[in-house]
C-alpha atoms as a PDB file:
ATOM      1  CA  UNK A   1     -17.575  -4.462  -0.055  1.00  0.00           C
ATOM      2  CA  UNK A   2     -15.963  -6.455   2.787  1.00  0.00           C
ATOM      3  CA  UNK A   3     -17.635  -9.640   1.525  1.00  0.00           C
ATOM      4  CA  UNK A   4     -16.483  -8.926  -2.023  1.00  0.00           C
ATOM      5  CA  UNK A   5     -12.887  -8.417  -0.847  1.00  0.00           C
ATOM      6  CA  UNK A   6     -13.095 -11.691   1.084  1.00  0.00           C
ATOM      7  CA  UNK A   7     -14.096 -13.486  -2.121  1.00  0.00           C
ATOM      8  CA  UNK A   8     -11.025 -12.075  -3.850  1.00  0.00           C
ATOM      9  CA  UNK A   9      -8.817 -13.206  -0.962  1.00  0.00           C
ATOM     10  CA  UNK A  10      -9.970 -16.830  -1.317  1.00  0.00           C
ATOM     11  CA  UNK A  11      -9.387 -16.728  -5.085  1.00  0.00           C
ATOM     12  CA  UNK A  12      -5.847 -15.434  -4.519  1.00  0.00           C
ATOM     13  CA  UNK A  13      -5.262 -18.157  -1.931  1.00  0.00           C
ATOM     14  CA  UNK A  14      -6.341 -20.748  -4.496  1.00  0.00           C
ATOM     15  CA  UNK A  15      -3.912 -19.318  -7.039  1.00  0.00           C
ATOM     16  CA  UNK A  16      -1.159 -19.470  -4.397  1.00  0.00           C
ATOM     17  CA  UNK A  17      -2.007 -23.041  -3.402  1.00  0.00           C
ATOM     18  CA  UNK A  18      -1.786 -24.095  -7.062  1.00  0.00           C
ATOM     19  CA  UNK A  19       1.919 -23.273  -6.960  1.00  0.00           C
ATOM     20  CA  UNK A  20       2.600 -25.286  -3.804  1.00  0.00           C
ATOM     21  CA  UNK A  21       3.650 -28.908  -4.160  1.00  0.00           C
ATOM     22  CA  UNK A  22       1.749 -29.778  -0.993  1.00  0.00           C
ATOM     23  CA  UNK A  23      -1.535 -29.451  -2.915  1.00  0.00           C
ATOM     24  CA  UNK A  24      -2.321 -32.348  -5.293  1.00  0.00           C
ATOM     25  CA  UNK A  25      -3.202 -31.528  -8.899  1.00  0.00           C
ATOM     26  CA  UNK A  26      -6.807 -32.639  -8.365  1.00  0.00           C
ATOM     27  CA  UNK A  27      -7.354 -30.372  -5.334  1.00  0.00           C
ATOM     28  CA  UNK A  28      -9.746 -28.120  -7.252  1.00  0.00           C
ATOM     29  CA  UNK A  29     -11.854 -31.083  -8.352  1.00  0.00           C
ATOM     30  CA  UNK A  30     -12.013 -32.377  -4.775  1.00  0.00           C
ATOM     31  CA  UNK A  31     -13.155 -28.996  -3.481  1.00  0.00           C
ATOM     32  CA  UNK A  32     -15.735 -28.712  -6.263  1.00  0.00           C
ATOM     33  CA  UNK A  33     -17.156 -32.131  -5.432  1.00  0.00           C
ATOM     34  CA  UNK A  34     -17.386 -31.227  -1.740  1.00  0.00           C
ATOM     35  CA  UNK A  35     -19.249 -28.047  -2.624  1.00  0.00           C
ATOM     36  CA  UNK A  36     -21.528 -29.912  -5.021  1.00  0.00           C
ATOM     37  CA  UNK A  37     -22.372 -32.824  -2.743  1.00  0.00           C
ATOM     38  CA  UNK A  38     -22.279 -31.147   0.688  1.00  0.00           C
ATOM     39  CA  UNK A  39     -22.158 -27.344   0.878  1.00  0.00           C
ATOM     40  CA  UNK A  40     -24.612 -26.413  -1.896  1.00  0.00           C
ATOM     41  CA  UNK A  41     -27.284 -29.002  -0.947  1.00  0.00           C
ATOM     42  CA  UNK A  42     -27.097 -27.773   2.659  1.00  0.00           C
ATOM     43  CA  UNK A  43     -27.660 -24.195   1.498  1.00  0.00           C
ATOM     44  CA  UNK A  44     -30.598 -25.244  -0.687  1.00  0.00           C
ATOM     45  CA  UNK A  45     -32.180 -27.247   2.146  1.00  0.00           C
ATOM     46  CA  UNK A  46     -31.815 -24.224   4.388  1.00  0.00           C
ATOM     47  CA  UNK A  47     -33.186 -21.609   2.004  1.00  0.00           C
ATOM     48  CA  UNK A  48     -35.885 -23.357  -0.082  1.00  0.00           C
ATOM     49  CA  UNK A  49     -38.424 -23.500   2.793  1.00  0.00           C
ATOM     50  CA  UNK A  50     -38.064 -19.709   3.056  1.00  0.00           C
ATOM     51  CA  UNK A  51     -39.161 -19.104  -0.545  1.00  0.00           C
ATOM     52  CA  UNK A  52     -42.490 -17.324  -0.822  1.00  0.00           C
ATOM     53  CA  UNK A  53     -43.954 -18.271  -4.195  1.00  0.00           C
ATOM     54  CA  UNK A  54     -45.602 -15.430  -6.106  1.00  0.00           C
ATOM     55  CA  UNK A  55     -45.919 -14.010  -9.603  1.00  0.00           C
ATOM     56  CA  UNK A  56     -42.860 -11.873  -9.006  1.00  0.00           C
ATOM     57  CA  UNK A  57     -40.625 -14.847  -8.279  1.00  0.00           C
ATOM     58  CA  UNK A  58     -41.415 -16.249 -11.732  1.00  0.00           C
ATOM     59  CA  UNK A  59     -39.048 -13.581 -13.050  1.00  0.00           C
ATOM     60  CA  UNK A  60     -36.119 -15.555 -11.666  1.00  0.00           C
ATOM     61  CA  UNK A  61     -37.230 -18.625 -13.646  1.00  0.00           C
ATOM     62  CA  UNK A  62     -38.085 -16.793 -16.885  1.00  0.00           C
ATOM     63  CA  UNK A  63     -35.032 -14.524 -17.271  1.00  0.00           C
ATOM     64  CA  UNK A  64     -32.496 -17.314 -18.015  1.00  0.00           C
ATOM     65  CA  UNK A  65     -34.744 -18.788 -20.727  1.00  0.00           C
ATOM     66  CA  UNK A  66     -35.203 -15.413 -22.364  1.00  0.00           C
ATOM     67  CA  UNK A  67     -31.460 -14.804 -22.321  1.00  0.00           C
ATOM     68  CA  UNK A  68     -30.936 -18.242 -23.848  1.00  0.00           C
ATOM     69  CA  UNK A  69     -32.809 -17.087 -26.951  1.00  0.00           C
ATOM     70  CA  UNK A  70     -30.857 -13.827 -27.058  1.00  0.00           C
ATOM     71  CA  UNK A  71     -27.496 -15.580 -26.694  1.00  0.00           C
ATOM     72  CA  UNK A  72     -28.216 -18.180 -29.375  1.00  0.00           C
ATOM     73  CA  UNK A  73     -29.340 -15.518 -31.848  1.00  0.00           C
ATOM     74  CA  UNK A  74     -26.251 -13.394 -31.143  1.00  0.00           C
ATOM     75  CA  UNK A  75     -23.807 -16.298 -31.492  1.00  0.00           C
ATOM     76  CA  UNK A  76     -25.362 -17.662 -34.690  1.00  0.00           C
ATOM     77  CA  UNK A  77     -25.433 -14.168 -36.221  1.00  0.00           C
ATOM     78  CA  UNK A  78     -21.781 -13.544 -35.351  1.00  0.00           C
ATOM     79  CA  UNK A  79     -20.754 -17.005 -36.580  1.00  0.00           C
ATOM     80  CA  UNK A  80     -22.350 -16.326 -39.938  1.00  0.00           C
ATOM     81  CA  UNK A  81     -20.764 -12.884 -40.172  1.00  0.00           C
ATOM     82  CA  UNK A  82     -17.220 -13.955 -39.268  1.00  0.00           C
ATOM     83  CA  UNK A  83     -17.450 -17.526 -40.570  1.00  0.00           C
ATOM     84  CA  UNK A  84     -16.202 -19.198 -37.410  1.00  0.00           C
ATOM     85  CA  UNK A  85     -15.347 -22.882 -37.427  1.00  0.00           C
ATOM     86  CA  UNK A  86     -17.830 -25.452 -36.186  1.00  0.00           C
ATOM     87  CA  UNK A  87     -15.936 -26.174 -32.954  1.00  0.00           C
ATOM     88  CA  UNK A  88     -15.807 -22.471 -32.121  1.00  0.00           C
ATOM     89  CA  UNK A  89     -19.533 -22.029 -32.701  1.00  0.00           C
ATOM     90  CA  UNK A  90     -20.293 -25.049 -30.533  1.00  0.00           C
ATOM     91  CA  UNK A  91     -18.282 -23.677 -27.620  1.00  0.00           C
ATOM     92  CA  UNK A  92     -19.992 -20.287 -27.750  1.00  0.00           C
ATOM     93  CA  UNK A  93     -23.457 -21.804 -28.102  1.00  0.00           C
ATOM     94  CA  UNK A  94     -22.776 -23.865 -24.989  1.00  0.00           C
ATOM     95  CA  UNK A  95     -20.950 -21.500 -22.626  1.00  0.00           C
ATOM     96  CA  UNK A  96     -22.486 -18.104 -23.465  1.00  0.00           C
ATOM     97  CA  UNK A  97     -26.052 -18.981 -22.347  1.00  0.00           C
ATOM     98  CA  UNK A  98     -24.905 -20.988 -19.305  1.00  0.00           C
ATOM     99  CA  UNK A  99     -23.548 -18.970 -16.403  1.00  0.00           C
ATOM    100  CA  UNK A 100     -21.792 -19.959 -13.199  1.00  0.00           C
ATOM    101  CA  UNK A 101     -25.001 -19.218 -11.309  1.00  0.00           C
ATOM    102  CA  UNK A 102     -24.490 -21.552  -8.358  1.00  0.00           C
ATOM    103  CA  UNK A 103     -20.823 -21.826  -7.390  1.00  0.00           C
ATOM    104  CA  UNK A 104     -19.841 -18.241  -8.189  1.00  0.00           C
ATOM    105  CA  UNK A 105     -23.403 -16.963  -7.950  1.00  0.00           C
ATOM    106  CA  UNK A 106     -23.852 -17.828  -4.269  1.00  0.00           C
ATOM    107  CA  UNK A 107     -20.897 -15.847  -2.908  1.00  0.00           C
ATOM    108  CA  UNK A 108     -21.588 -12.930  -5.229  1.00  0.00           C
ATOM    109  CA  UNK A 109     -25.287 -12.719  -4.373  1.00  0.00           C
ATOM    110  CA  UNK A 110     -24.422 -13.008  -0.690  1.00  0.00           C
ATOM    111  CA  UNK A 111     -21.867 -10.239  -1.052  1.00  0.00           C
ATOM    112  CA  UNK A 112     -24.280  -7.811  -2.734  1.00  0.00           C
ATOM    113  CA  UNK A 113     -27.710  -8.787  -1.395  1.00  0.00           C
ATOM    114  CA  UNK A 114     -27.049 -10.810   1.743  1.00  0.00           C
ATOM    115  CA  UNK A 115     -28.839 -14.035   2.635  1.00  0.00           C
ATOM    116  CA  UNK A 116     -32.186 -12.562   1.525  1.00  0.00           C
ATOM    117  CA  UNK A 117     -31.182 -12.921  -2.125  1.00  0.00           C
ATOM    118  CA  UNK A 118     -30.355 -16.634  -1.983  1.00  0.00           C
ATOM    119  CA  UNK A 119     -33.911 -18.014  -2.432  1.00  0.00           C
ATOM    120  CA  UNK A 120     -34.183 -16.122  -5.741  1.00  0.00           C
ATOM    121  CA  UNK A 121     -30.785 -17.450  -6.781  1.00  0.00           C
ATOM    122  CA  UNK A 122     -31.971 -21.011  -6.151  1.00  0.00           C
ATOM    123  CA  UNK A 123     -34.996 -20.497  -8.410  1.00  0.00           C
ATOM    124  CA  UNK A 124     -32.810 -18.990 -11.160  1.00  0.00           C
ATOM    125  CA  UNK A 125     -30.233 -21.751 -10.890  1.00  0.00           C
ATOM    126  CA  UNK A 126     -32.479 -24.797 -10.529  1.00  0.00           C
ATOM    127  CA  UNK A 127     -35.393 -23.852 -12.818  1.00  0.00           C
ATOM    128  CA  UNK A 128     -33.235 -21.928 -15.266  1.00  0.00           C
ATOM    129  CA  UNK A 129     -29.572 -22.856 -15.557  1.00  0.00           C
ATOM    130  CA  UNK A 130     -29.887 -26.524 -14.584  1.00  0.00           C
ATOM    131  CA  UNK A 131     -32.831 -27.259 -16.883  1.00  0.00           C
ATOM    132  CA  UNK A 132     -31.167 -25.394 -19.747  1.00  0.00           C
ATOM    133  CA  UNK A 133     -27.990 -27.401 -19.236  1.00  0.00           C
ATOM    134  CA  UNK A 134     -29.856 -30.713 -19.340  1.00  0.00           C
ATOM    135  CA  UNK A 135     -32.078 -29.925 -22.331  1.00  0.00           C
ATOM    136  CA  UNK A 136     -30.396 -27.308 -24.516  1.00  0.00           C
ATOM    137  CA  UNK A 137     -26.874 -28.244 -23.421  1.00  0.00           C
ATOM    138  CA  UNK A 138     -27.440 -31.872 -24.407  1.00  0.00           C
ATOM    139  CA  UNK A 139     -28.630 -30.760 -27.837  1.00  0.00           C
ATOM    140  CA  UNK A 140     -25.533 -28.603 -28.456  1.00  0.00           C
ATOM    141  CA  UNK A 141     -23.201 -31.387 -27.332  1.00  0.00           C
ATOM    142  CA  UNK A 142     -24.969 -33.775 -29.704  1.00  0.00           C
ATOM    143  CA  UNK A 143     -24.879 -31.401 -32.678  1.00  0.00           C
ATOM    144  CA  UNK A 144     -21.381 -29.974 -32.291  1.00  0.00           C
ATOM    145  CA  UNK A 145     -19.480 -32.656 -30.370  1.00  0.00           C
ATOM    146  CA  UNK A 146     -16.975 -34.949 -32.042  1.00  0.00           C
ATOM    147  CA  UNK A 147     -19.264 -37.949 -31.522  1.00  0.00           C
ATOM    148  CA  UNK A 148     -22.129 -36.269 -33.350  1.00  0.00           C
ATOM    149  CA  UNK A 149     -25.385 -37.195 -31.706  1.00  0.00           C
ATOM    150  CA  UNK A 150     -24.069 -39.628 -29.105  1.00  0.00           C
ATOM    151  CA  UNK A 151     -25.433 -37.666 -26.153  1.00  0.00           C
ATOM    152  CA  UNK A 152     -28.204 -39.566 -24.365  1.00  0.00           C
ATOM    153  CA  UNK A 153     -30.898 -37.137 -23.255  1.00  0.00           C
ATOM    154  CA  UNK A 154     -32.601 -39.754 -21.085  1.00  0.00           C
ATOM    155  CA  UNK A 155     -29.325 -40.340 -19.247  1.00  0.00           C
ATOM    156  CA  UNK A 156     -28.868 -36.595 -18.762  1.00  0.00           C
ATOM    157  CA  UNK A 157     -32.373 -36.239 -17.312  1.00  0.00           C
ATOM    158  CA  UNK A 158     -31.683 -39.157 -14.981  1.00  0.00           C
ATOM    159  CA  UNK A 159     -28.498 -37.484 -13.809  1.00  0.00           C
ATOM    160  CA  UNK A 160     -30.386 -34.261 -13.205  1.00  0.00           C
ATOM    161  CA  UNK A 161     -33.022 -36.001 -11.075  1.00  0.00           C
ATOM    162  CA  UNK A 162     -30.332 -37.618  -8.920  1.00  0.00           C
ATOM    163  CA  UNK A 163     -28.151 -34.507  -8.867  1.00  0.00           C
ATOM    164  CA  UNK A 164     -27.509 -33.618  -5.178  1.00  0.00           C
ATOM    165  CA  UNK A 165     -28.761 -30.002  -5.473  1.00  0.00           C
ATOM    166  CA  UNK A 166     -31.911 -31.252  -7.242  1.00  0.00           C
ATOM    167  CA  UNK A 167     -32.577 -33.782  -4.492  1.00  0.00           C
ATOM    168  CA  UNK A 168     -32.035 -31.033  -1.917  1.00  0.00           C
ATOM    169  CA  UNK A 169     -34.465 -28.788  -3.812  1.00  0.00           C
ATOM    170  CA  UNK A 170     -37.204 -31.431  -3.790  1.00  0.00           C
ATOM    171  CA  UNK A 171     -36.565 -32.248  -0.132  1.00  0.00           C
ATOM    172  CA  UNK A 172     -36.669 -28.566   0.768  1.00  0.00           C
ATOM    173  CA  UNK A 173     -39.998 -28.118  -1.007  1.00  0.00           C
ATOM    174  CA  UNK A 174     -41.451 -31.093   0.889  1.00  0.00           C
ATOM    175  CA  UNK A 175     -40.137 -29.683   4.175  1.00  0.00           C
ATOM    176  CA  UNK A 176     -41.869 -26.331   3.736  1.00  0.00           C
ATOM    177  CA  UNK A 177     -44.746 -27.420   5.970  1.00  0.00           C
ATOM    178  CA  UNK A 178     -42.492 -28.698   8.761  1.00  0.00           C
ATOM    179  CA  UNK A 179     -40.045 -26.230  10.307  1.00  0.00           C
ATOM    180  CA  UNK A 180     -36.590 -27.659  10.936  1.00  0.00           C
ATOM    181  CA  UNK A 181     -35.591 -28.426  14.537  1.00  0.00           C
ATOM    182  CA  UNK A 182     -33.255 -25.744  15.844  1.00  0.00           C
ATOM    183  CA  UNK A 183     -30.205 -28.022  15.952  1.00  0.00           C
ATOM    184  CA  UNK A 184     -30.793 -29.250  12.389  1.00  0.00           C
ATOM    185  CA  UNK A 185     -31.199 -25.693  11.108  1.00  0.00           C
ATOM    186  CA  UNK A 186     -27.992 -24.653  12.856  1.00  0.00           C
ATOM    187  CA  UNK A 187     -26.167 -27.656  11.431  1.00  0.00           C
ATOM    188  CA  UNK A 188     -27.294 -26.810   7.899  1.00  0.00           C
ATOM    189  CA  UNK A 189     -26.231 -23.217   8.453  1.00  0.00           C
ATOM    190  CA  UNK A 190     -22.752 -24.267   9.574  1.00  0.00           C
ATOM    191  CA  UNK A 191     -22.290 -26.561   6.573  1.00  0.00           C
ATOM    192  CA  UNK A 192     -23.651 -23.965   4.131  1.00  0.00           C
ATOM    193  CA  UNK A 193     -21.084 -21.449   5.388  1.00  0.00           C
ATOM    194  CA  UNK A 194     -18.324 -23.623   3.908  1.00  0.00           C
ATOM    195  CA  UNK A 195     -19.575 -22.983   0.361  1.00  0.00           C
ATOM    196  CA  UNK A 196     -17.945 -19.594  -0.236  1.00  0.00           C
ATOM    197  CA  UNK A 197     -14.378 -20.373   0.918  1.00  0.00           C
ATOM    198  CA  UNK A 198     -14.405 -23.825  -0.696  1.00  0.00           C
ATOM    199  CA  UNK A 199     -15.749 -22.663  -4.071  1.00  0.00           C
ATOM    200  CA  UNK A 200     -13.674 -19.516  -4.380  1.00  0.00           C
ATOM    201  CA  UNK A 201     -10.486 -21.368  -3.409  1.00  0.00           C
ATOM    202  CA  UNK A 202     -11.292 -24.004  -6.041  1.00  0.00           C
ATOM    203  CA  UNK A 203     -11.778 -21.276  -8.652  1.00  0.00           C
ATOM    204  CA  UNK A 204      -8.363 -19.851  -7.803  1.00  0.00           C
ATOM    205  CA  UNK A 205      -6.820 -23.314  -8.140  1.00  0.00           C
ATOM    206  CA  UNK A 206      -8.374 -23.736 -11.600  1.00  0.00           C
ATOM    207  CA  UNK A 207      -7.626 -20.300 -12.993  1.00  0.00           C
ATOM    208  CA  UNK A 208      -5.536 -20.439 -16.156  1.00  0.00           C
ATOM    209  CA  UNK A 209      -4.586 -17.713 -18.623  1.00  0.00           C
ATOM    210  CA  UNK A 210      -4.228 -19.348 -22.034  1.00  0.00           C
ATOM    211  CA  UNK A 211      -4.999 -17.088 -24.922  1.00  0.00           C
ATOM    212  CA  UNK A 212      -3.956 -18.235 -28.431  1.00  0.00           C
ATOM    213  CA  UNK A 213      -4.451 -15.546 -31.062  1.00  0.00           C
ATOM    214  CA  UNK A 214      -7.010 -17.530 -33.033  1.00  0.00           C
ATOM    215  CA  UNK A 215      -9.503 -17.279 -30.148  1.00  0.00           C
ATOM    216  CA  UNK A 216      -9.233 -13.496 -29.643  1.00  0.00           C
ATOM    217  CA  UNK A 217     -12.279 -12.604 -31.742  1.00  0.00           C
ATOM    218  CA  UNK A 218     -14.707 -15.329 -30.542  1.00  0.00           C
ATOM    219  CA  UNK A 219     -13.500 -14.863 -26.960  1.00  0.00           C
ATOM    220  CA  UNK A 220     -14.080 -11.105 -26.953  1.00  0.00           C
ATOM    221  CA  UNK A 221     -17.501 -11.504 -28.544  1.00  0.00           C
ATOM    222  CA  UNK A 222     -18.597 -14.319 -26.255  1.00  0.00           C
ATOM    223  CA  UNK A 223     -17.566 -12.550 -23.060  1.00  0.00           C
ATOM    224  CA  UNK A 224     -19.092  -9.252 -24.214  1.00  0.00           C
ATOM    225  CA  UNK A 225     -22.445 -10.998 -24.662  1.00  0.00           C
ATOM    226  CA  UNK A 226     -22.185 -13.050 -21.468  1.00  0.00           C
ATOM    227  CA  UNK A 227     -20.882 -10.420 -19.069  1.00  0.00           C
ATOM    228  CA  UNK A 228     -22.470  -7.250 -20.480  1.00  0.00           C
ATOM    229  CA  UNK A 229     -25.064  -7.568 -23.245  1.00  0.00           C
ATOM    230  CA  UNK A 230     -27.121 -10.312 -21.596  1.00  0.00           C
ATOM    231  CA  UNK A 231     -27.525  -8.712 -18.134  1.00  0.00           C
ATOM    232  CA  UNK A 232     -28.016  -5.224 -19.587  1.00  0.00           C
ATOM    233  CA  UNK A 233     -30.728  -6.566 -21.895  1.00  0.00           C
ATOM    234  CA  UNK A 234     -32.418  -8.254 -18.928  1.00  0.00           C
ATOM    235  CA  UNK A 235     -32.210  -5.011 -16.957  1.00  0.00           C
ATOM    236  CA  UNK A 236     -33.705  -2.980 -19.812  1.00  0.00           C
ATOM    237  CA  UNK A 237     -36.582  -5.399 -20.444  1.00  0.00           C
ATOM    238  CA  UNK A 238     -37.450  -5.695 -16.747  1.00  0.00           C
ATOM    239  CA  UNK A 239     -37.445  -1.953 -16.234  1.00  0.00           C
ATOM    240  CA  UNK A 240     -39.550  -1.341 -19.359  1.00  0.00           C
ATOM    241  CA  UNK A 241     -41.996  -3.964 -18.085  1.00  0.00           C
ATOM    242  CA  UNK A 242     -42.207  -2.160 -14.753  1.00  0.00           C
ATOM    243  CA  UNK A 243     -40.558  -5.022 -12.845  1.00  0.00           C
ATOM    244  CA  UNK A 244     -38.392  -4.296  -9.853  1.00  0.00           C
ATOM    245  CA  UNK A 245     -37.400  -5.499  -6.431  1.00  0.00           C
ATOM    246  CA  UNK A 246     -34.758  -7.875  -5.172  1.00  0.00           C
ATOM    247  CA  UNK A 247     -35.948 -10.820  -7.274  1.00  0.00           C
ATOM    248  CA  UNK A 248     -35.299  -8.826 -10.457  1.00  0.00           C
ATOM    249  CA  UNK A 249     -31.966  -7.447  -9.268  1.00  0.00           C
ATOM    250  CA  UNK A 250     -30.735 -10.895  -8.230  1.00  0.00           C
ATOM    251  CA  UNK A 251     -31.848 -12.311 -11.592  1.00  0.00           C
ATOM    252  CA  UNK A 252     -29.914  -9.602 -13.440  1.00  0.00           C
ATOM    253  CA  UNK A 253     -26.788 -10.254 -11.374  1.00  0.00           C
ATOM    254  CA  UNK A 254     -27.155 -13.985 -12.048  1.00  0.00           C
ATOM    255  CA  UNK A 255     -27.454 -13.216 -15.762  1.00  0.00           C
ATOM    256  CA  UNK A 256     -24.083 -11.434 -15.525  1.00  0.00           C
ATOM    257  CA  UNK A 257     -22.203 -14.440 -14.124  1.00  0.00           C
ATOM    258  CA  UNK A 258     -19.252 -15.682 -16.200  1.00  0.00           C
ATOM    259  CA  UNK A 259     -19.547 -18.940 -18.158  1.00  0.00           C
ATOM    260  CA  UNK A 260     -20.225 -22.153 -16.261  1.00  0.00           C
ATOM    261  CA  UNK A 261     -17.087 -24.180 -15.545  1.00  0.00           C
ATOM    262  CA  UNK A 262     -18.931 -27.460 -16.168  1.00  0.00           C
ATOM    263  CA  UNK A 263     -20.158 -26.288 -19.572  1.00  0.00           C
ATOM    264  CA  UNK A 264     -16.611 -25.382 -20.595  1.00  0.00           C
ATOM    265  CA  UNK A 265     -15.311 -28.752 -19.425  1.00  0.00           C
ATOM    266  CA  UNK A 266     -18.010 -30.586 -21.390  1.00  0.00           C
ATOM    267  CA  UNK A 267     -17.130 -28.579 -24.500  1.00  0.00           C
ATOM    268  CA  UNK A 268     -13.501 -29.720 -24.182  1.00  0.00           C
ATOM    269  CA  UNK A 269     -14.495 -33.357 -23.614  1.00  0.00           C
ATOM    270  CA  UNK A 270     -16.842 -33.185 -26.625  1.00  0.00           C
ATOM    271  CA  UNK A 271     -13.935 -32.219 -28.880  1.00  0.00           C
ATOM    272  CA  UNK A 272     -14.855 -28.592 -29.530  1.00  0.00           C
ATOM    273  CA  UNK A 273     -12.379 -25.675 -29.540  1.00  0.00           C
ATOM    274  CA  UNK A 274     -10.622 -26.452 -26.243  1.00  0.00           C
ATOM    275  CA  UNK A 275      -8.485 -23.291 -26.050  1.00  0.00           C
ATOM    276  CA  UNK A 276     -11.551 -21.112 -26.487  1.00  0.00           C
ATOM    277  CA  UNK A 277     -13.524 -23.030 -23.859  1.00  0.00           C
ATOM    278  CA  UNK A 278     -10.718 -22.751 -21.291  1.00  0.00           C
ATOM    279  CA  UNK A 279     -10.156 -19.062 -22.045  1.00  0.00           C
ATOM    280  CA  UNK A 280     -13.887 -18.288 -21.763  1.00  0.00           C
ATOM    281  CA  UNK A 281     -13.898 -19.777 -18.266  1.00  0.00           C
ATOM    282  CA  UNK A 282     -10.620 -18.352 -16.959  1.00  0.00           C
ATOM    283  CA  UNK A 283     -10.768 -14.860 -18.498  1.00  0.00           C
ATOM    284  CA  UNK A 284     -14.510 -14.683 -17.803  1.00  0.00           C
ATOM    285  CA  UNK A 285     -14.007 -15.235 -14.078  1.00  0.00           C
ATOM    286  CA  UNK A 286     -11.266 -12.616 -13.896  1.00  0.00           C
ATOM    287  CA  UNK A 287     -13.272  -9.995 -15.781  1.00  0.00           C
ATOM    288  CA  UNK A 288     -16.382 -10.719 -13.727  1.00  0.00           C
ATOM    289  CA  UNK A 289     -14.717  -9.256 -10.645  1.00  0.00           C
ATOM    290  CA  UNK A 290     -15.053  -5.920 -12.433  1.00  0.00           C
ATOM    291  CA  UNK A 291     -18.269  -6.403 -14.415  1.00  0.00           C
ATOM    292  CA  UNK A 292     -20.398  -7.849 -11.592  1.00  0.00           C
ATOM    293  CA  UNK A 293     -20.019  -4.813  -9.302  1.00  0.00           C
ATOM    294  CA  UNK A 294     -20.720  -2.564 -12.301  1.00  0.00           C
ATOM    295  CA  UNK A 295     -23.932  -4.451 -13.142  1.00  0.00           C
ATOM    296  CA  UNK A 296     -24.984  -4.391  -9.490  1.00  0.00           C
ATOM    297  CA  UNK A 297     -24.553  -0.616  -9.223  1.00  0.00           C
ATOM    298  CA  UNK A 298     -26.532  -0.166 -12.440  1.00  0.00           C
ATOM    299  CA  UNK A 299     -29.447  -2.033 -10.837  1.00  0.00           C
ATOM    300  CA  UNK A 300     -29.218   0.430  -7.967  1.00  0.00           C
ATOM    301  CA  UNK A 301     -29.279   3.430 -10.314  1.00  0.00           C
ATOM    302  CA  UNK A 302     -31.963   2.219 -12.698  1.00  0.00           C
ATOM    303  CA  UNK A 303     -35.416   3.480 -11.666  1.00  0.00           C
END
């Protein structure tokens, strides 16, 4: 609980800093880039060599792909029922399956599971969310974006391969056979510790509450699927399949993360329903401070 309160404190600080003239308008972007290029790779380098590969850990890689199918079916069914516009459908197809599994996921998993849960988070994020973003996300941007098919999949794959967390993942896998020197391990630990305050402050700086009436219905549906239906479905399927343990619980909490900030930004750039994309991100983050603890306690109660 103390860790969870600390997360909230950094978010509130970010919201406060947004109102101070001393902080430039691009402060959030600067913090995000630092986390992306420095803090997160350091954490991955530190934790990947600790991963013990087994059949159980495959759960963390499979869950996000299963929830992708569920989310797409739910969004397309709702779009047909309520006859949403093309831009609205595109936003939901992009942001509902893609969660904030790294930036927000790391502090939340640390808060609820401690450092022991981070290796499972890395598997979920790198083999699930990242690959889905590159493949499925590119397809949605091509089909529903204003440029209609201009997205270059080869370019997206190239970006993924040279993405700092991906490079750190590959380096960490290579380093599994060679333990880090003590000073290097301590250095990585010190850098990785910056991730939580940097990311949560950046989230506070970016938080906006814009809610035009036309987005009420799609917004409520999208967040209900993302924050509740998806993780509860994952929990039900895993329990019925007899799966348990920390890897499953971390995967379920990751499934409950609010929509990915990057996915929402790409939806806006692609010319989709911008107000809906922004609201999904901002309102989703706020609501997640209530839904994530609820999902976590359900994993504790479920047999």
